[in-house]
């Protein structure tokens, strides 16, 4: 079964390929389809964006498409940055810009109030009218400064209490076992296996 990942983000692609590597799925990405234009994430929720991307990529490529949208939801910020996580510090911002903005907003706020949830919603478009959605989430809190060299995005500021480390202090194997994206794409992998065997 061929599936196209609806992303050009190298970090994300590597992470997802590792999660799906033992599933007998041939994984393509948008880099294999250079004519597919950049997809604007206009949804108001993570689910809307994931479905939008999966549907558009299926329509353009003609094969099942797998898309995700992830976000960090901070309790004291009423769920922000949420769906705006990738663009939190403005258009063209870097991961560092986003982290510094978040840390600035939480300056002086106690650990008890820095609770956060990492969410990942994955949409699998089998055709434009058949889109399956799964979700993974993990709870932790936002640190007071960046810690760790691995990962990407908000990993250096997301502390995972069960391992007593930030996501950026975990290697890729450790992170995939406990991350929101790991949970979501393992659910997607089971869904794909079920579909390819039964339907």
C-alpha atoms as a PDB file:
ATOM      1  CA  UNK A   1       0.000   0.000   0.000  1.00  0.00           C
ATOM      2  CA  UNK A   2       1.333   3.417  -0.985  1.00  0.00           C
ATOM      3  CA  UNK A   3       0.594   6.401   1.230  1.00  0.00           C
ATOM      4  CA  UNK A   4       1.703   9.987   0.837  1.00  0.00           C
ATOM      5  CA  UNK A   5       2.587  12.031   3.908  1.00  0.00           C
ATOM      6  CA  UNK A   6       1.152  15.509   3.506  1.00  0.00           C
ATOM      7  CA  UNK A   7       4.237  17.339   4.743  1.00  0.00           C
ATOM      8  CA  UNK A   8       7.509  18.866   3.554  1.00  0.00           C
ATOM      9  CA  UNK A   9       8.854  19.156   7.112  1.00  0.00           C
ATOM     10  CA  UNK A  10      11.975  16.964   7.236  1.00  0.00           C
ATOM     11  CA  UNK A  11      11.917  16.577  11.040  1.00  0.00           C
ATOM     12  CA  UNK A  12       8.295  15.482  10.992  1.00  0.00           C
ATOM     13  CA  UNK A  13       8.835  13.130   8.030  1.00  0.00           C
ATOM     14  CA  UNK A  14      11.741  11.356   9.748  1.00  0.00           C
ATOM     15  CA  UNK A  15       9.742  10.956  12.955  1.00  0.00           C
ATOM     16  CA  UNK A  16       6.655   9.579  11.183  1.00  0.00           C
ATOM     17  CA  UNK A  17       8.684   7.190   8.996  1.00  0.00           C
ATOM     18  CA  UNK A  18      10.287   5.704  12.120  1.00  0.00           C
ATOM     19  CA  UNK A  19       6.874   5.157  13.703  1.00  0.00           C
ATOM     20  CA  UNK A  20       5.497   3.492  10.557  1.00  0.00           C
ATOM     21  CA  UNK A  21       8.662   1.649   9.502  1.00  0.00           C
ATOM     22  CA  UNK A  22       7.526  -1.923  10.291  1.00  0.00           C
ATOM     23  CA  UNK A  23       4.108  -1.594   8.661  1.00  0.00           C
ATOM     24  CA  UNK A  24       4.852  -2.663   5.026  1.00  0.00           C
ATOM     25  CA  UNK A  25       3.556   0.707   3.846  1.00  0.00           C
ATOM     26  CA  UNK A  26       5.446   2.445   1.045  1.00  0.00           C
ATOM     27  CA  UNK A  27       5.736   5.999   2.313  1.00  0.00           C
ATOM     28  CA  UNK A  28       5.967   8.909  -0.098  1.00  0.00           C
ATOM     29  CA  UNK A  29       6.061  12.596   0.803  1.00  0.00           C
ATOM     30  CA  UNK A  30       5.213  15.881  -0.870  1.00  0.00           C
ATOM     31  CA  UNK A  31       8.846  16.025  -2.018  1.00  0.00           C
ATOM     32  CA  UNK A  32       7.949  13.161  -4.385  1.00  0.00           C
ATOM     33  CA  UNK A  33       5.175  15.374  -5.805  1.00  0.00           C
ATOM     34  CA  UNK A  34       6.796  18.776  -6.381  1.00  0.00           C
ATOM     35  CA  UNK A  35       3.795  20.016  -8.399  1.00  0.00           C
ATOM     36  CA  UNK A  36       1.476  19.880  -5.383  1.00  0.00           C
ATOM     37  CA  UNK A  37       1.315  23.462  -4.073  1.00  0.00           C
ATOM     38  CA  UNK A  38       1.829  24.491  -0.466  1.00  0.00           C
ATOM     39  CA  UNK A  39      -1.366  23.876   1.488  1.00  0.00           C
ATOM     40  CA  UNK A  40      -2.611  26.769   3.591  1.00  0.00           C
ATOM     41  CA  UNK A  41      -3.769  25.684   7.038  1.00  0.00           C
ATOM     42  CA  UNK A  42      -6.986  27.657   7.303  1.00  0.00           C
ATOM     43  CA  UNK A  43      -8.797  25.389   9.784  1.00  0.00           C
ATOM     44  CA  UNK A  44      -9.838  26.641  13.192  1.00  0.00           C
ATOM     45  CA  UNK A  45      -8.921  23.338  14.877  1.00  0.00           C
ATOM     46  CA  UNK A  46      -6.138  20.756  14.575  1.00  0.00           C
ATOM     47  CA  UNK A  47      -8.673  18.275  13.179  1.00  0.00           C
ATOM     48  CA  UNK A  48      -9.886  20.694  10.494  1.00  0.00           C
ATOM     49  CA  UNK A  49      -6.307  21.314   9.342  1.00  0.00           C
ATOM     50  CA  UNK A  50      -5.401  17.605   9.264  1.00  0.00           C
ATOM     51  CA  UNK A  51      -8.533  16.725   7.261  1.00  0.00           C
ATOM     52  CA  UNK A  52      -8.021  19.689   4.904  1.00  0.00           C
ATOM     53  CA  UNK A  53      -4.435  18.658   4.129  1.00  0.00           C
ATOM     54  CA  UNK A  54      -5.240  14.946   3.714  1.00  0.00           C
ATOM     55  CA  UNK A  55      -8.156  15.666   1.382  1.00  0.00           C
ATOM     56  CA  UNK A  56      -6.232  18.152  -0.794  1.00  0.00           C
ATOM     57  CA  UNK A  57      -3.198  15.889  -1.107  1.00  0.00           C
ATOM     58  CA  UNK A  58      -5.342  12.857  -1.979  1.00  0.00           C
ATOM     59  CA  UNK A  59      -7.109  14.891  -4.654  1.00  0.00           C
ATOM     60  CA  UNK A  60      -3.796  16.087  -6.125  1.00  0.00           C
ATOM     61  CA  UNK A  61      -1.859  12.791  -5.935  1.00  0.00           C
ATOM     62  CA  UNK A  62      -4.643  10.230  -6.345  1.00  0.00           C
ATOM     63  CA  UNK A  63      -3.355   7.926  -3.588  1.00  0.00           C
ATOM     64  CA  UNK A  64      -4.240   7.645   0.120  1.00  0.00           C
ATOM     65  CA  UNK A  65      -2.871  10.598   2.069  1.00  0.00           C
ATOM     66  CA  UNK A  66      -1.872  10.874   5.706  1.00  0.00           C
ATOM     67  CA  UNK A  67      -1.797  14.343   7.266  1.00  0.00           C
ATOM     68  CA  UNK A  68      -1.384  15.590  10.785  1.00  0.00           C
ATOM     69  CA  UNK A  69      -1.636  18.803  12.693  1.00  0.00           C
ATOM     70  CA  UNK A  70      -0.095  19.130  16.106  1.00  0.00           C
ATOM     71  CA  UNK A  71      -0.282  21.769  18.765  1.00  0.00           C
ATOM     72  CA  UNK A  72       0.769  22.619  22.289  1.00  0.00           C
ATOM     73  CA  UNK A  73      -2.142  23.698  24.487  1.00  0.00           C
ATOM     74  CA  UNK A  74      -1.122  25.601  27.614  1.00  0.00           C
ATOM     75  CA  UNK A  75      -3.753  25.737  30.352  1.00  0.00           C
ATOM     76  CA  UNK A  76      -2.998  29.212  31.701  1.00  0.00           C
ATOM     77  CA  UNK A  77      -3.089  30.581  28.123  1.00  0.00           C
ATOM     78  CA  UNK A  78      -6.590  29.136  27.558  1.00  0.00           C
ATOM     79  CA  UNK A  79      -5.257  26.475  25.195  1.00  0.00           C
ATOM     80  CA  UNK A  80      -2.911  28.698  23.197  1.00  0.00           C
ATOM     81  CA  UNK A  81      -0.815  28.418  21.109  1.00  0.00           C
ATOM     82  CA  UNK A  82      -2.953  25.427  20.012  1.00  0.00           C
ATOM     83  CA  UNK A  83      -3.788  25.471  16.319  1.00  0.00           C
ATOM     84  CA  UNK A  84      -1.396  28.431  15.886  1.00  0.00           C
ATOM     85  CA  UNK A  85       1.566  26.541  17.396  1.00  0.00           C
ATOM     86  CA  UNK A  86       3.712  26.562  14.231  1.00  0.00           C
ATOM     87  CA  UNK A  87       3.067  30.272  13.598  1.00  0.00           C
ATOM     88  CA  UNK A  88       2.816  31.452  17.212  1.00  0.00           C
ATOM     89  CA  UNK A  89       5.515  34.140  16.923  1.00  0.00           C
ATOM     90  CA  UNK A  90       4.278  35.326  13.508  1.00  0.00           C
ATOM     91  CA  UNK A  91       4.781  34.483   9.819  1.00  0.00           C
ATOM     92  CA  UNK A  92       8.177  32.990   8.981  1.00  0.00           C
ATOM     93  CA  UNK A  93       9.051  32.453  12.646  1.00  0.00           C
ATOM     94  CA  UNK A  94      11.552  29.819  13.782  1.00  0.00           C
ATOM     95  CA  UNK A  95      11.106  27.131  16.455  1.00  0.00           C
ATOM     96  CA  UNK A  96      13.295  29.295  18.704  1.00  0.00           C
ATOM     97  CA  UNK A  97      11.075  32.357  18.128  1.00  0.00           C
ATOM     98  CA  UNK A  98       8.005  30.367  19.194  1.00  0.00           C
ATOM     99  CA  UNK A  99       9.695  28.992  22.299  1.00  0.00           C
ATOM    100  CA  UNK A 100      10.959  32.405  23.387  1.00  0.00           C
ATOM    101  CA  UNK A 101       7.501  33.945  22.935  1.00  0.00           C
ATOM    102  CA  UNK A 102       5.911  31.171  24.987  1.00  0.00           C
ATOM    103  CA  UNK A 103       8.513  31.416  27.770  1.00  0.00           C
ATOM    104  CA  UNK A 104       8.066  35.207  27.816  1.00  0.00           C
ATOM    105  CA  UNK A 105       4.295  34.899  28.260  1.00  0.00           C
ATOM    106  CA  UNK A 106       4.766  32.449  31.142  1.00  0.00           C
ATOM    107  CA  UNK A 107       7.497  34.417  32.917  1.00  0.00           C
ATOM    108  CA  UNK A 108       6.843  34.508  36.671  1.00  0.00           C
ATOM    109  CA  UNK A 109       4.067  31.898  36.504  1.00  0.00           C
ATOM    110  CA  UNK A 110       4.522  29.031  38.958  1.00  0.00           C
ATOM    111  CA  UNK A 111       5.094  25.429  37.856  1.00  0.00           C
ATOM    112  CA  UNK A 112       1.654  24.393  39.117  1.00  0.00           C
ATOM    113  CA  UNK A 113       0.069  26.713  36.544  1.00  0.00           C
ATOM    114  CA  UNK A 114       2.331  25.765  33.606  1.00  0.00           C
ATOM    115  CA  UNK A 115       0.426  22.589  32.697  1.00  0.00           C
ATOM    116  CA  UNK A 116       0.300  21.818  28.981  1.00  0.00           C
ATOM    117  CA  UNK A 117      -0.990  19.152  26.600  1.00  0.00           C
ATOM    118  CA  UNK A 118       0.695  18.185  23.355  1.00  0.00           C
ATOM    119  CA  UNK A 119      -1.972  17.029  20.845  1.00  0.00           C
ATOM    120  CA  UNK A 120      -1.603  15.441  17.434  1.00  0.00           C
ATOM    121  CA  UNK A 121      -4.556  14.784  15.130  1.00  0.00           C
ATOM    122  CA  UNK A 122      -3.949  12.482  12.142  1.00  0.00           C
ATOM    123  CA  UNK A 123      -6.289  12.264   9.151  1.00  0.00           C
ATOM    124  CA  UNK A 124      -6.128   9.385   6.667  1.00  0.00           C
ATOM    125  CA  UNK A 125      -7.841  10.180   3.356  1.00  0.00           C
ATOM    126  CA  UNK A 126      -8.710   6.952   1.529  1.00  0.00           C
ATOM    127  CA  UNK A 127     -10.674   9.096  -0.923  1.00  0.00           C
ATOM    128  CA  UNK A 128     -12.207  12.591  -0.643  1.00  0.00           C
ATOM    129  CA  UNK A 129     -15.357  11.163   0.961  1.00  0.00           C
ATOM    130  CA  UNK A 130     -13.693   8.629   3.290  1.00  0.00           C
ATOM    131  CA  UNK A 131     -11.435  10.300   5.832  1.00  0.00           C
ATOM    132  CA  UNK A 132     -10.574   8.595   9.113  1.00  0.00           C
ATOM    133  CA  UNK A 133      -9.295  10.624  12.073  1.00  0.00           C
ATOM    134  CA  UNK A 134      -7.287   9.530  15.133  1.00  0.00           C
ATOM    135  CA  UNK A 135      -5.653  11.517  17.917  1.00  0.00           C
ATOM    136  CA  UNK A 136      -2.792  11.238  20.375  1.00  0.00           C
ATOM    137  CA  UNK A 137      -2.111  13.453  23.369  1.00  0.00           C
ATOM    138  CA  UNK A 138       0.310  13.695  26.253  1.00  0.00           C
ATOM    139  CA  UNK A 139       0.356  15.894  29.349  1.00  0.00           C
ATOM    140  CA  UNK A 140       3.303  17.726  30.862  1.00  0.00           C
ATOM    141  CA  UNK A 141       4.274  21.294  31.665  1.00  0.00           C
ATOM    142  CA  UNK A 142       6.250  24.158  30.176  1.00  0.00           C
ATOM    143  CA  UNK A 143       9.745  24.681  31.578  1.00  0.00           C
ATOM    144  CA  UNK A 144      11.203  28.084  32.476  1.00  0.00           C
ATOM    145  CA  UNK A 145      13.914  27.827  29.806  1.00  0.00           C
ATOM    146  CA  UNK A 146      14.897  25.607  26.890  1.00  0.00           C
ATOM    147  CA  UNK A 147      16.450  22.282  27.932  1.00  0.00           C
ATOM    148  CA  UNK A 148      17.916  19.634  25.614  1.00  0.00           C
ATOM    149  CA  UNK A 149      19.310  19.455  22.094  1.00  0.00           C
ATOM    150  CA  UNK A 150      17.112  16.860  20.359  1.00  0.00           C
ATOM    151  CA  UNK A 151      13.746  17.040  18.637  1.00  0.00           C
ATOM    152  CA  UNK A 152      12.204  20.185  17.207  1.00  0.00           C
ATOM    153  CA  UNK A 153       9.393  22.652  17.786  1.00  0.00           C
ATOM    154  CA  UNK A 154       8.395  22.993  21.436  1.00  0.00           C
ATOM    155  CA  UNK A 155      10.357  19.890  22.528  1.00  0.00           C
ATOM    156  CA  UNK A 156      12.965  21.906  24.530  1.00  0.00           C
ATOM    157  CA  UNK A 157      10.257  23.547  26.680  1.00  0.00           C
ATOM    158  CA  UNK A 158       7.863  20.577  27.107  1.00  0.00           C
ATOM    159  CA  UNK A 159       8.704  18.662  30.294  1.00  0.00           C
ATOM    160  CA  UNK A 160       7.403  15.099  30.521  1.00  0.00           C
ATOM    161  CA  UNK A 161       7.137  14.213  34.244  1.00  0.00           C
ATOM    162  CA  UNK A 162       7.034  10.420  33.788  1.00  0.00           C
ATOM    163  CA  UNK A 163      10.597  10.446  32.403  1.00  0.00           C
ATOM    164  CA  UNK A 164      11.665  13.583  34.288  1.00  0.00           C
ATOM    165  CA  UNK A 165      12.967  15.096  31.044  1.00  0.00           C
ATOM    166  CA  UNK A 166      11.930  17.483  28.300  1.00  0.00           C
ATOM    167  CA  UNK A 167      11.119  15.959  24.907  1.00  0.00           C
ATOM    168  CA  UNK A 168      14.376  17.534  23.645  1.00  0.00           C
ATOM    169  CA  UNK A 169      16.333  15.414  26.161  1.00  0.00           C
ATOM    170  CA  UNK A 170      14.938  12.180  24.691  1.00  0.00           C
ATOM    171  CA  UNK A 171      16.419  10.332  21.738  1.00  0.00           C
ATOM    172  CA  UNK A 172      14.089   9.669  18.809  1.00  0.00           C
ATOM    173  CA  UNK A 173      13.226   6.134  19.939  1.00  0.00           C
ATOM    174  CA  UNK A 174      12.354   7.284  23.476  1.00  0.00           C
ATOM    175  CA  UNK A 175      10.319  10.208  22.196  1.00  0.00           C
ATOM    176  CA  UNK A 176       8.316   8.133  19.700  1.00  0.00           C
ATOM    177  CA  UNK A 177       7.236   5.795  22.516  1.00  0.00           C
ATOM    178  CA  UNK A 178       5.673   8.564  24.603  1.00  0.00           C
ATOM    179  CA  UNK A 179       4.908  11.492  22.274  1.00  0.00           C
ATOM    180  CA  UNK A 180       1.555  12.728  21.044  1.00  0.00           C
ATOM    181  CA  UNK A 181       2.702  12.087  17.459  1.00  0.00           C
ATOM    182  CA  UNK A 182       3.848   8.585  18.368  1.00  0.00           C
ATOM    183  CA  UNK A 183       0.470   7.714  19.900  1.00  0.00           C
ATOM    184  CA  UNK A 184      -1.478   9.205  16.976  1.00  0.00           C
ATOM    185  CA  UNK A 185       0.541   7.582  14.195  1.00  0.00           C
ATOM    186  CA  UNK A 186       0.549   4.176  15.905  1.00  0.00           C
ATOM    187  CA  UNK A 187      -3.252   4.424  15.909  1.00  0.00           C
ATOM    188  CA  UNK A 188      -3.103   5.409  12.232  1.00  0.00           C
ATOM    189  CA  UNK A 189      -0.824   2.431  11.516  1.00  0.00           C
ATOM    190  CA  UNK A 190      -3.346   0.031  13.093  1.00  0.00           C
ATOM    191  CA  UNK A 191      -6.093   1.663  11.051  1.00  0.00           C
ATOM    192  CA  UNK A 192      -4.104   1.225   7.828  1.00  0.00           C
ATOM    193  CA  UNK A 193      -3.370  -2.435   8.641  1.00  0.00           C
ATOM    194  CA  UNK A 194      -7.051  -3.092   9.289  1.00  0.00           C
ATOM    195  CA  UNK A 195      -8.133  -1.359   6.072  1.00  0.00           C
ATOM    196  CA  UNK A 196      -5.563  -3.082   3.862  1.00  0.00           C
ATOM    197  CA  UNK A 197      -6.394  -6.529   5.278  1.00  0.00           C
ATOM    198  CA  UNK A 198     -10.169  -6.328   5.543  1.00  0.00           C
ATOM    199  CA  UNK A 199     -11.613  -3.597   3.340  1.00  0.00           C
END
